[in-house]
C-alpha atoms as a PDB file:
ATOM      1  CA  MET A   1      53.863 116.350 239.970  1.00  0.00           C
ATOM      2  CA  GLY A   2      53.826 116.652 236.197  1.00  0.00           C
ATOM      3  CA  GLY A   3      51.493 119.731 235.801  1.00  0.00           C
ATOM      4  CA  ILE A   4      47.864 119.202 236.508  1.00  0.00           C
ATOM      5  CA  ASP A   5      45.119 121.580 234.844  1.00  0.00           C
ATOM      6  CA  LEU A   6      41.770 121.042 236.614  1.00  0.00           C
ATOM      7  CA  THR A   7      38.316 123.175 236.629  1.00  0.00           C
ATOM      8  CA  VAL A   8      35.768 122.504 239.140  1.00  0.00           C
ATOM      9  CA  PRO A   9      32.760 124.605 238.505  1.00  0.00           C
ATOM     10  CA  ALA A  10      30.197 125.438 241.101  1.00  0.00           C
ATOM     11  CA  GLY A  11      27.626 122.971 241.691  1.00  0.00           C
ATOM     12  CA  THR A  12      29.707 120.088 240.688  1.00  0.00           C
ATOM     13  CA  PHE A  13      30.651 116.831 242.556  1.00  0.00           C
ATOM     14  CA  TYR A  14      34.135 116.182 241.354  1.00  0.00           C
ATOM     15  CA  GLY A  15      36.443 113.059 241.869  1.00  0.00           C
ATOM     16  CA  LEU A  16      40.014 112.577 242.026  1.00  0.00           C
ATOM     17  CA  VAL A  17      41.108 108.854 241.579  1.00  0.00           C
ATOM     18  CA  GLY A  18      44.227 107.320 241.298  1.00  0.00           C
ATOM     19  CA  PRO A  19      46.544 104.612 242.783  1.00  0.00           C
ATOM     20  CA  ASN A  20      48.384 105.012 246.159  1.00  0.00           C
ATOM     21  CA  GLY A  21      51.138 107.695 245.716  1.00  0.00           C
ATOM     22  CA  ALA A  22      49.691 109.116 242.293  1.00  0.00           C
ATOM     23  CA  GLY A  23      49.508 112.533 243.901  1.00  0.00           C
ATOM     24  CA  LYS A  24      45.872 112.899 244.733  1.00  0.00           C
ATOM     25  CA  THR A  25      46.562 114.179 248.331  1.00  0.00           C
ATOM     26  CA  THR A  26      49.527 116.429 247.001  1.00  0.00           C
ATOM     27  CA  THR A  27      47.035 118.050 244.620  1.00  0.00           C
ATOM     28  CA  LEU A  28      44.251 118.537 247.275  1.00  0.00           C
ATOM     29  CA  SER A  29      46.814 119.996 249.699  1.00  0.00           C
ATOM     30  CA  ILE A  30      47.698 122.526 247.079  1.00  0.00           C
ATOM     31  CA  ILE A  31      44.167 123.488 246.168  1.00  0.00           C
ATOM     32  CA  ALA A  32      43.583 123.760 250.034  1.00  0.00           C
ATOM     33  CA  GLY A  33      46.659 125.992 250.481  1.00  0.00           C
ATOM     34  CA  LEU A  34      48.247 123.727 252.714  1.00  0.00           C
ATOM     35  CA  LEU A  35      51.216 123.177 250.145  1.00  0.00           C
ATOM     36  CA  ARG A  36      52.592 125.757 247.941  1.00  0.00           C
ATOM     37  CA  PRO A  37      53.071 124.789 244.267  1.00  0.00           C
ATOM     38  CA  ASP A  38      56.521 125.004 242.594  1.00  0.00           C
ATOM     39  CA  ALA A  39      54.691 126.712 239.614  1.00  0.00           C
ATOM     40  CA  GLY A  40      51.235 127.631 238.307  1.00  0.00           C
ATOM     41  CA  SER A  41      48.358 129.003 240.033  1.00  0.00           C
ATOM     42  CA  VAL A  42      45.207 128.015 241.971  1.00  0.00           C
ATOM     43  CA  HIS A  43      42.180 130.319 241.859  1.00  0.00           C
ATOM     44  CA  ILE A  44      39.104 129.739 244.318  1.00  0.00           C
ATOM     45  CA  SER A  45      35.968 131.421 243.450  1.00  0.00           C
ATOM     46  CA  GLY A  46      37.806 133.985 241.319  1.00  0.00           C
ATOM     47  CA  ILE A  47      40.381 134.558 244.220  1.00  0.00           C
ATOM     48  CA  ASP A  48      44.096 133.954 243.492  1.00  0.00           C
ATOM     49  CA  GLN A  49      45.334 131.836 246.279  1.00  0.00           C
ATOM     50  CA  ARG A  50      48.983 132.980 246.066  1.00  0.00           C
ATOM     51  CA  ALA A  51      47.973 136.665 245.908  1.00  0.00           C
ATOM     52  CA  ASN A  52      45.310 136.527 248.761  1.00  0.00           C
ATOM     53  CA  PRO A  53      45.710 132.984 250.525  1.00  0.00           C
ATOM     54  CA  LEU A  54      43.425 134.212 253.521  1.00  0.00           C
ATOM     55  CA  ALA A  55      40.499 135.201 251.240  1.00  0.00           C
ATOM     56  CA  ALA A  56      41.062 131.935 249.283  1.00  0.00           C
ATOM     57  CA  LYS A  57      40.871 129.923 252.581  1.00  0.00           C
ATOM     58  CA  ARG A  58      37.738 131.637 253.940  1.00  0.00           C
ATOM     59  CA  VAL A  59      35.656 130.399 251.102  1.00  0.00           C
ATOM     60  CA  MET A  60      37.061 126.976 251.574  1.00  0.00           C
ATOM     61  CA  GLY A  61      36.154 123.933 253.870  1.00  0.00           C
ATOM     62  CA  VAL A  62      38.728 121.219 254.248  1.00  0.00           C
ATOM     63  CA  LEU A  63      38.801 117.548 255.651  1.00  0.00           C
ATOM     64  CA  PRO A  64      42.150 116.091 255.390  1.00  0.00           C
ATOM     65  CA  ASP A  65      42.867 112.415 255.001  1.00  0.00           C
ATOM     66  CA  ARG A  66      44.755 111.878 258.151  1.00  0.00           C
ATOM     67  CA  LEU A  67      42.494 113.364 260.876  1.00  0.00           C
ATOM     68  CA  ARG A  68      44.285 115.112 263.571  1.00  0.00           C
ATOM     69  CA  THR A  69      42.042 117.120 265.891  1.00  0.00           C
ATOM     70  CA  PHE A  70      41.758 118.324 269.584  1.00  0.00           C
ATOM     71  CA  ASP A  71      40.161 114.994 270.517  1.00  0.00           C
ATOM     72  CA  ARG A  72      39.932 115.850 274.297  1.00  0.00           C
ATOM     73  CA  LEU A  73      37.297 118.341 273.515  1.00  0.00           C
ATOM     74  CA  THR A  74      33.854 117.400 273.318  1.00  0.00           C
ATOM     75  CA  GLY A  75      32.153 117.607 269.907  1.00  0.00           C
ATOM     76  CA  ARG A  76      30.119 120.763 270.803  1.00  0.00           C
ATOM     77  CA  GLN A  77      33.380 122.321 271.995  1.00  0.00           C
ATOM     78  CA  LEU A  78      35.120 121.409 268.746  1.00  0.00           C
ATOM     79  CA  LEU A  79      32.419 122.877 266.610  1.00  0.00           C
ATOM     80  CA  HIS A  80      32.653 126.051 268.679  1.00  0.00           C
ATOM     81  CA  TYR A  81      36.375 126.257 268.221  1.00  0.00           C
ATOM     82  CA  TYR A  82      35.963 125.793 264.287  1.00  0.00           C
ATOM     83  CA  GLY A  83      33.250 128.391 264.353  1.00  0.00           C
ATOM     84  CA  GLN A  84      35.556 131.074 266.398  1.00  0.00           C
ATOM     85  CA  LEU A  85      38.384 130.279 264.067  1.00  0.00           C
ATOM     86  CA  ARG A  86      36.047 131.364 261.153  1.00  0.00           C
ATOM     87  CA  GLY A  87      35.120 134.530 262.795  1.00  0.00           C
ATOM     88  CA  LEU A  88      31.489 133.515 263.506  1.00  0.00           C
ATOM     89  CA  ASN A  89      29.677 134.803 266.659  1.00  0.00           C
ATOM     90  CA  ARG A  90      28.398 132.607 269.484  1.00  0.00           C
ATOM     91  CA  PRO A  91      24.676 132.599 268.487  1.00  0.00           C
ATOM     92  CA  VAL A  92      25.535 131.737 264.831  1.00  0.00           C
ATOM     93  CA  ILE A  93      27.853 128.955 265.997  1.00  0.00           C
ATOM     94  CA  GLU A  94      25.386 127.522 268.513  1.00  0.00           C
ATOM     95  CA  LYS A  95      22.594 127.470 265.778  1.00  0.00           C
ATOM     96  CA  ARG A  96      24.786 126.087 262.973  1.00  0.00           C
ATOM     97  CA  ALA A  97      26.467 123.441 265.429  1.00  0.00           C
ATOM     98  CA  ALA A  98      22.941 122.189 266.324  1.00  0.00           C
ATOM     99  CA  ASP A  99      21.800 122.037 262.797  1.00  0.00           C
ATOM    100  CA  LEU A 100      24.861 120.057 261.474  1.00  0.00           C
ATOM    101  CA  ALA A 101      24.730 117.883 264.518  1.00  0.00           C
ATOM    102  CA  ARG A 102      20.980 117.124 263.469  1.00  0.00           C
ATOM    103  CA  ALA A 103      21.964 116.740 259.883  1.00  0.00           C
ATOM    104  CA  PHE A 104      24.818 114.359 260.526  1.00  0.00           C
ATOM    105  CA  ASP A 105      22.857 112.496 263.447  1.00  0.00           C
ATOM    106  CA  LEU A 106      25.403 113.617 266.097  1.00  0.00           C
ATOM    107  CA  THR A 107      23.333 115.477 268.435  1.00  0.00           C
ATOM    108  CA  GLU A 108      23.345 112.899 271.257  1.00  0.00           C
ATOM    109  CA  ALA A 109      27.030 112.707 270.850  1.00  0.00           C
ATOM    110  CA  LEU A 110      27.884 116.366 271.211  1.00  0.00           C
ATOM    111  CA  GLY A 111      28.578 116.323 275.013  1.00  0.00           C
ATOM    112  CA  ARG A 112      31.148 113.341 274.550  1.00  0.00           C
ATOM    113  CA  VAL A 113      34.765 113.878 274.195  1.00  0.00           C
ATOM    114  CA  VAL A 114      35.809 113.290 270.338  1.00  0.00           C
ATOM    115  CA  SER A 115      38.378 110.713 271.460  1.00  0.00           C
ATOM    116  CA  ASP A 116      35.445 108.342 272.396  1.00  0.00           C
ATOM    117  CA  TYR A 117      34.118 108.642 268.795  1.00  0.00           C
ATOM    118  CA  SER A 118      34.038 105.822 266.262  1.00  0.00           C
ATOM    119  CA  ALA A 119      35.823 106.575 262.879  1.00  0.00           C
ATOM    120  CA  GLY A 120      32.671 107.474 260.964  1.00  0.00           C
ATOM    121  CA  MET A 121      31.408 109.799 263.945  1.00  0.00           C
ATOM    122  CA  THR A 122      34.676 111.506 263.946  1.00  0.00           C
ATOM    123  CA  LYS A 123      34.619 112.047 260.034  1.00  0.00           C
ATOM    124  CA  LYS A 124      31.004 113.522 260.451  1.00  0.00           C
ATOM    125  CA  LEU A 125      31.987 115.778 263.083  1.00  0.00           C
ATOM    126  CA  MET A 126      35.364 117.029 261.196  1.00  0.00           C
ATOM    127  CA  LEU A 127      32.992 117.420 258.210  1.00  0.00           C
ATOM    128  CA  ALA A 128      30.583 119.431 259.913  1.00  0.00           C
ATOM    129  CA  GLY A 129      33.454 121.722 261.240  1.00  0.00           C
ATOM    130  CA  ALA A 130      34.503 122.090 257.484  1.00  0.00           C
ATOM    131  CA  LEU A 131      30.777 123.321 256.621  1.00  0.00           C
ATOM    132  CA  ILE A 132      30.116 125.719 259.713  1.00  0.00           C
ATOM    133  CA  HIS A 133      31.020 128.778 258.072  1.00  0.00           C
ATOM    134  CA  SER A 134      28.939 127.782 254.797  1.00  0.00           C
ATOM    135  CA  PRO A 135      32.021 127.680 252.308  1.00  0.00           C
ATOM    136  CA  ARG A 136      31.760 127.671 248.601  1.00  0.00           C
ATOM    137  CA  VAL A 137      34.242 124.992 248.080  1.00  0.00           C
ATOM    138  CA  LEU A 138      34.623 121.785 249.900  1.00  0.00           C
ATOM    139  CA  VAL A 139      38.089 119.899 249.552  1.00  0.00           C
ATOM    140  CA  LEU A 140      37.702 116.399 250.979  1.00  0.00           C
ATOM    141  CA  ASP A 141      40.570 113.857 251.135  1.00  0.00           C
ATOM    142  CA  GLU A 142      39.089 110.258 251.473  1.00  0.00           C
ATOM    143  CA  PRO A 143      35.920 111.327 253.235  1.00  0.00           C
ATOM    144  CA  PHE A 144      34.565 107.907 253.191  1.00  0.00           C
ATOM    145  CA  GLU A 145      37.388 105.937 254.381  1.00  0.00           C
ATOM    146  CA  ALA A 146      36.753 103.762 257.254  1.00  0.00           C
ATOM    147  CA  VAL A 147      33.177 105.136 257.390  1.00  0.00           C
ATOM    148  CA  ASP A 148      30.321 102.615 257.857  1.00  0.00           C
ATOM    149  CA  PRO A 149      27.571 102.473 255.242  1.00  0.00           C
ATOM    150  CA  VAL A 150      24.996 104.327 257.412  1.00  0.00           C
ATOM    151  CA  SER A 151      27.442 107.139 258.016  1.00  0.00           C
ATOM    152  CA  SER A 152      28.219 107.087 254.513  1.00  0.00           C
ATOM    153  CA  GLY A 153      24.829 107.607 253.400  1.00  0.00           C
ATOM    154  CA  ILE A 154      24.343 110.412 255.744  1.00  0.00           C
ATOM    155  CA  ILE A 155      27.516 112.153 254.527  1.00  0.00           C
ATOM    156  CA  LEU A 156      26.327 111.852 250.887  1.00  0.00           C
ATOM    157  CA  ASP A 157      22.835 113.321 251.433  1.00  0.00           C
ATOM    158  CA  VAL A 158      24.278 116.290 253.092  1.00  0.00           C
ATOM    159  CA  LEU A 159      27.083 116.754 250.318  1.00  0.00           C
ATOM    160  CA  ARG A 160      24.388 116.279 247.576  1.00  0.00           C
ATOM    161  CA  SER A 161      22.190 118.982 249.183  1.00  0.00           C
ATOM    162  CA  TYR A 162      25.147 121.305 249.559  1.00  0.00           C
ATOM    163  CA  VAL A 163      26.075 120.570 245.602  1.00  0.00           C
ATOM    164  CA  SER A 164      22.580 121.249 244.560  1.00  0.00           C
ATOM    165  CA  HIS A 165      22.471 124.462 245.842  1.00  0.00           C
ATOM    166  CA  GLY A 166      25.566 125.580 244.141  1.00  0.00           C
ATOM    167  CA  GLY A 167      28.509 124.414 246.202  1.00  0.00           C
ATOM    168  CA  ALA A 168      31.443 122.864 244.723  1.00  0.00           C
ATOM    169  CA  VAL A 169      32.840 119.405 246.150  1.00  0.00           C
ATOM    170  CA  ILE A 170      36.214 118.083 244.931  1.00  0.00           C
ATOM    171  CA  LEU A 171      36.995 114.786 246.628  1.00  0.00           C
ATOM    172  CA  SER A 172      39.361 111.952 246.559  1.00  0.00           C
ATOM    173  CA  SER A 173      38.470 108.241 246.833  1.00  0.00           C
ATOM    174  CA  HIS A 174      39.623 104.652 246.586  1.00  0.00           C
ATOM    175  CA  GLY A 175      35.911 103.705 246.133  1.00  0.00           C
ATOM    176  CA  MET A 176      35.161 103.557 242.457  1.00  0.00           C
ATOM    177  CA  ASP A 177      31.667 102.656 242.631  1.00  0.00           C
ATOM    178  CA  LEU A 178      31.086 105.655 244.915  1.00  0.00           C
ATOM    179  CA  VAL A 179      32.777 108.179 242.656  1.00  0.00           C
ATOM    180  CA  GLU A 180      30.821 106.738 239.661  1.00  0.00           C
ATOM    181  CA  GLN A 181      27.574 106.823 241.685  1.00  0.00           C
ATOM    182  CA  VAL A 182      28.061 110.543 243.156  1.00  0.00           C
ATOM    183  CA  CYS A 183      30.499 112.469 240.901  1.00  0.00           C
ATOM    184  CA  SER A 184      29.471 114.381 237.886  1.00  0.00           C
ATOM    185  CA  ARG A 185      33.205 114.871 236.789  1.00  0.00           C
ATOM    186  CA  VAL A 186      36.195 112.795 237.427  1.00  0.00           C
ATOM    187  CA  ALA A 187      40.017 112.996 236.725  1.00  0.00           C
ATOM    188  CA  VAL A 188      42.357 109.973 236.817  1.00  0.00           C
ATOM    189  CA  ILE A 189      45.828 111.021 238.326  1.00  0.00           C
ATOM    190  CA  VAL A 190      48.763 108.612 237.911  1.00  0.00           C
ATOM    191  CA  ASP A 191      52.366 109.718 238.746  1.00  0.00           C
ATOM    192  CA  GLY A 192      51.266 113.191 239.197  1.00  0.00           C
ATOM    193  CA  GLU A 193      49.678 113.772 235.835  1.00  0.00           C
ATOM    194  CA  VAL A 194      46.122 113.682 234.707  1.00  0.00           C
ATOM    195  CA  LEU A 195      45.759 110.995 232.285  1.00  0.00           C
ATOM    196  CA  VAL A 196      41.961 111.430 231.536  1.00  0.00           C
ATOM    197  CA  GLU A 197      39.336 113.977 232.865  1.00  0.00           C
ATOM    198  CA  GLY A 198      35.794 114.596 231.952  1.00  0.00           C
ATOM    199  CA  THR A 199      32.456 113.545 232.713  1.00  0.00           C
ATOM    200  CA  VAL A 200      32.154 110.022 234.391  1.00  0.00           C
ATOM    201  CA  ASP A 201      30.657 108.568 231.176  1.00  0.00           C
ATOM    202  CA  GLU A 202      33.352 110.119 229.218  1.00  0.00           C
ATOM    203  CA  VAL A 203      36.032 108.732 231.454  1.00  0.00           C
ATOM    204  CA  ARG A 204      34.868 105.243 231.644  1.00  0.00           C
ATOM    205  CA  ALA A 205      34.170 105.063 228.027  1.00  0.00           C
ATOM    206  CA  GLY A 206      31.679 102.107 228.165  1.00  0.00           C
ATOM    207  CA  GLN A 207      33.228 100.458 230.889  1.00  0.00           C
ATOM    208  CA  SER A 208      32.914 100.514 234.738  1.00  0.00           C
ATOM    209  CA  LEU A 209      34.914 103.318 236.280  1.00  0.00           C
ATOM    210  CA  ALA A 210      36.735 100.458 238.080  1.00  0.00           C
ATOM    211  CA  ALA A 211      37.764  98.577 234.949  1.00  0.00           C
ATOM    212  CA  ARG A 212      38.523 101.849 232.967  1.00  0.00           C
ATOM    213  CA  PHE A 213      40.926 102.985 236.020  1.00  0.00           C
ATOM    214  CA  VAL A 214      42.838  99.728 235.821  1.00  0.00           C
ATOM    215  CA  GLU A 215      43.230 100.030 232.225  1.00  0.00           C
ATOM    216  CA  LEU A 216      44.571 103.526 232.484  1.00  0.00           C
ATOM    217  CA  ALA A 217      46.850 103.093 235.596  1.00  0.00           C
ATOM    218  CA  GLY A 218      48.301  99.940 234.685  1.00  0.00           C
ATOM    219  CA  VAL A 219      48.350  98.705 237.960  1.00  0.00           C
ATOM    220  CA  GLY A 220      48.438  95.047 238.967  1.00  0.00           C
ATOM    221  CA  GLY A 221      50.363  92.686 241.099  1.00  0.00           C
ATOM    222  CA  GLU A 222      52.652  89.766 239.800  1.00  0.00           C
ATOM    223  CA  VAL A 223      51.474  86.497 241.370  1.00  0.00           C
ATOM    224  CA  GLU A 224      54.037  84.391 239.633  1.00  0.00           C
ATOM    225  CA  GLY A 225      56.495  82.835 242.123  1.00  0.00           C
ATOM    226  CA  LEU A 226      54.115  82.589 245.104  1.00  0.00           C
ATOM    227  CA  GLU A 227      53.328  78.825 244.506  1.00  0.00           C
ATOM    228  CA  TRP A 228      54.848  78.219 247.924  1.00  0.00           C
ATOM    229  CA  LEU A 229      51.708  79.924 249.275  1.00  0.00           C
ATOM    230  CA  HIS A 230      49.763  76.996 248.153  1.00  0.00           C
ATOM    231  CA  THR A 231      51.412  74.441 250.090  1.00  0.00           C
ATOM    232  CA  PHE A 232      50.506  75.539 253.754  1.00  0.00           C
ATOM    233  CA  SER A 233      52.664  75.378 256.627  1.00  0.00           C
ATOM    234  CA  ASP A 234      50.864  72.560 258.425  1.00  0.00           C
END
């Protein structure tokens, strides 16, 4: 990482975009306390993460990119487990699990084991688990990857409501249209460095965010030499 300086205010939908290998997941893992930085500091709601890591983690909800969970539990059991990890008592867990299941359209699925869930259902359940303790900050790595449009819309509705009431969401995504649509601020990261950061309008500079991203990242393949691909094998 080349040194990243980001500020995510409360009530902000903040997007991290960059090519594969740019450092997005590493950045989010450091923010979430899953990796320790070689230098610098991370403050979550005024809490120094290095000095008080448990307090910092208490105010965060985290959705990792590569979902690993106890998928032989039912959805209800998994949400209960997440609530217990966060120190919530049973009545509070049951109330919040039911509310979250209703919001994410998972009520009928709660009695099924998570291994039977679709990718979109699993992501919604994991996001519900990240929200169950009412965190101030959500750290979401590719929350819409492999998620169908209906599930994406449900997730967005919940997250917009969360942000409108003062929560902060920082997410990574390869979906430029989605970032352009929902994020209030965005940072473009390439090779572990922030190339540009600001409001979406500032970053895209009169272009679409996708076009601006390609311009900044300088990414692209070389098709010359693939003429054989046009001859077909039959």
